[in-house]
């Protein structure tokens, strides 16, 4: 299983929403995504591992 660490910039919410969409696709293909950010967790709560 591939494992990715995705580091999200703290500038606005645009980076977070794009990383969330990217992580969703990666997870769909079986990639484990670890998201590192200081943004609120609710932005990523819909990601299904």
N, C-alpha and C. Protein backbone atom coordinates (compact mmCIF):
# COMPACT_ATOMS: atom_id res chain seq x y z
N UNK A 1 0.84 -1.18 0.00
CA UNK A 1 0.00 0.00 0.00
C UNK A 1 0.88 1.24 0.00
N UNK A 2 0.59 2.16 -0.90
CA UNK A 2 1.30 3.43 -0.92
C UNK A 2 0.82 4.31 0.23
N UNK A 3 1.72 5.10 0.77
CA UNK A 3 1.38 6.04 1.84
C UNK A 3 1.90 7.41 1.44
N UNK A 4 1.01 8.39 1.46
CA UNK A 4 1.38 9.76 1.12
C UNK A 4 1.20 10.65 2.34
N UNK A 5 2.10 11.60 2.52
CA UNK A 5 1.94 12.66 3.52
C UNK A 5 1.63 13.93 2.74
N UNK A 6 0.50 14.53 3.01
CA UNK A 6 0.08 15.74 2.31
C UNK A 6 0.16 16.92 3.28
N UNK A 7 1.05 17.84 3.00
CA UNK A 7 1.23 19.02 3.85
C UNK A 7 0.40 20.16 3.27
N UNK A 8 -0.48 20.74 4.09
CA UNK A 8 -1.40 21.77 3.62
C UNK A 8 -0.97 23.13 4.14
N UNK A 9 -0.82 24.08 3.23
CA UNK A 9 -0.48 25.45 3.59
C UNK A 9 -1.58 26.06 4.46
N UNK A 10 -1.20 27.00 5.29
CA UNK A 10 -2.13 27.64 6.21
C UNK A 10 -2.75 28.91 5.61
N UNK A 11 -2.56 29.16 4.33
CA UNK A 11 -3.06 30.39 3.70
C UNK A 11 -4.46 30.16 3.14
N UNK A 12 -5.46 30.61 3.85
CA UNK A 12 -6.84 30.49 3.39
C UNK A 12 -7.34 29.05 3.42
N UNK A 13 -8.53 28.84 2.84
CA UNK A 13 -9.12 27.51 2.83
C UNK A 13 -9.03 26.83 1.46
N UNK A 14 -8.57 27.55 0.45
CA UNK A 14 -8.47 26.97 -0.90
C UNK A 14 -7.53 25.79 -0.97
N UNK A 15 -6.37 25.91 -0.32
CA UNK A 15 -5.41 24.81 -0.33
C UNK A 15 -6.02 23.57 0.33
N UNK A 16 -6.73 23.78 1.43
CA UNK A 16 -7.33 22.66 2.16
C UNK A 16 -8.38 21.95 1.33
N UNK A 17 -9.22 22.70 0.64
CA UNK A 17 -10.27 22.06 -0.15
C UNK A 17 -9.69 21.30 -1.34
N UNK A 18 -8.63 21.83 -1.94
CA UNK A 18 -8.00 21.12 -3.06
C UNK A 18 -7.29 19.86 -2.59
N UNK A 19 -6.62 19.94 -1.46
CA UNK A 19 -5.95 18.74 -0.91
C UNK A 19 -6.99 17.70 -0.52
N UNK A 20 -8.12 18.15 0.01
CA UNK A 20 -9.18 17.21 0.38
C UNK A 20 -9.67 16.45 -0.86
N UNK A 21 -9.87 17.16 -1.96
CA UNK A 21 -10.30 16.52 -3.21
C UNK A 21 -9.24 15.56 -3.73
N UNK A 22 -7.98 15.97 -3.66
CA UNK A 22 -6.88 15.10 -4.09
C UNK A 22 -6.81 13.85 -3.22
N UNK A 23 -6.89 14.03 -1.91
CA UNK A 23 -6.82 12.89 -0.99
C UNK A 23 -7.98 11.93 -1.23
N UNK A 24 -9.16 12.47 -1.52
CA UNK A 24 -10.32 11.62 -1.80
C UNK A 24 -10.06 10.71 -2.99
N UNK A 25 -9.48 11.25 -4.04
CA UNK A 25 -9.15 10.44 -5.22
C UNK A 25 -8.06 9.42 -4.92
N UNK A 26 -7.04 9.83 -4.19
CA UNK A 26 -5.96 8.90 -3.85
C UNK A 26 -6.49 7.75 -3.00
N UNK A 27 -7.33 8.06 -2.03
CA UNK A 27 -7.93 7.03 -1.17
C UNK A 27 -8.75 6.07 -2.02
N UNK A 28 -9.46 6.61 -3.00
CA UNK A 28 -10.26 5.78 -3.91
C UNK A 28 -9.40 4.73 -4.61
N UNK A 29 -8.13 5.07 -4.88
CA UNK A 29 -7.21 4.15 -5.54
C UNK A 29 -6.37 3.34 -4.56
N UNK A 30 -6.72 3.40 -3.27
CA UNK A 30 -6.05 2.56 -2.29
C UNK A 30 -4.82 3.16 -1.64
N UNK A 31 -4.62 4.45 -1.80
CA UNK A 31 -3.46 5.13 -1.21
C UNK A 31 -3.84 5.63 0.18
N UNK A 32 -3.00 5.38 1.17
CA UNK A 32 -3.20 5.90 2.52
C UNK A 32 -2.68 7.33 2.54
N UNK A 33 -3.52 8.27 2.97
CA UNK A 33 -3.13 9.69 3.00
C UNK A 33 -3.11 10.20 4.43
N UNK A 34 -1.98 10.75 4.82
CA UNK A 34 -1.83 11.40 6.12
C UNK A 34 -1.75 12.89 5.85
N UNK A 35 -2.72 13.65 6.35
CA UNK A 35 -2.79 15.09 6.07
C UNK A 35 -2.24 15.86 7.27
N UNK A 36 -1.25 16.70 6.99
CA UNK A 36 -0.62 17.50 8.04
C UNK A 36 -1.00 18.96 7.80
N UNK A 37 -1.68 19.56 8.77
CA UNK A 37 -2.13 20.94 8.65
C UNK A 37 -2.52 21.49 10.01
N UNK A 38 -2.66 22.79 10.08
CA UNK A 38 -3.19 23.42 11.30
C UNK A 38 -4.64 23.84 11.09
N UNK A 39 -5.21 23.49 9.96
CA UNK A 39 -6.60 23.81 9.67
C UNK A 39 -7.52 22.91 10.49
N UNK A 40 -8.79 23.33 10.68
CA UNK A 40 -9.74 22.53 11.46
C UNK A 40 -10.00 21.15 10.81
N UNK A 41 -10.15 20.16 11.65
CA UNK A 41 -10.35 18.78 11.17
C UNK A 41 -11.64 18.61 10.38
N UNK A 42 -12.65 19.46 10.63
CA UNK A 42 -13.92 19.29 9.92
C UNK A 42 -13.77 19.42 8.40
N UNK A 43 -12.71 20.06 7.95
CA UNK A 43 -12.49 20.18 6.51
C UNK A 43 -12.18 18.84 5.86
N UNK A 44 -11.72 17.89 6.65
CA UNK A 44 -11.29 16.60 6.12
C UNK A 44 -12.11 15.43 6.68
N UNK A 45 -13.15 15.71 7.43
CA UNK A 45 -13.88 14.65 8.11
C UNK A 45 -14.66 13.74 7.16
N UNK A 46 -14.95 14.20 5.96
CA UNK A 46 -15.71 13.38 5.02
C UNK A 46 -14.85 12.38 4.25
N UNK A 47 -13.54 12.45 4.45
CA UNK A 47 -12.65 11.49 3.78
C UNK A 47 -12.83 10.12 4.43
N UNK A 48 -13.05 9.13 3.62
CA UNK A 48 -13.31 7.79 4.12
C UNK A 48 -12.10 6.91 3.85
N UNK A 49 -11.35 6.55 4.90
CA UNK A 49 -10.14 5.73 4.70
C UNK A 49 -10.43 4.31 4.24
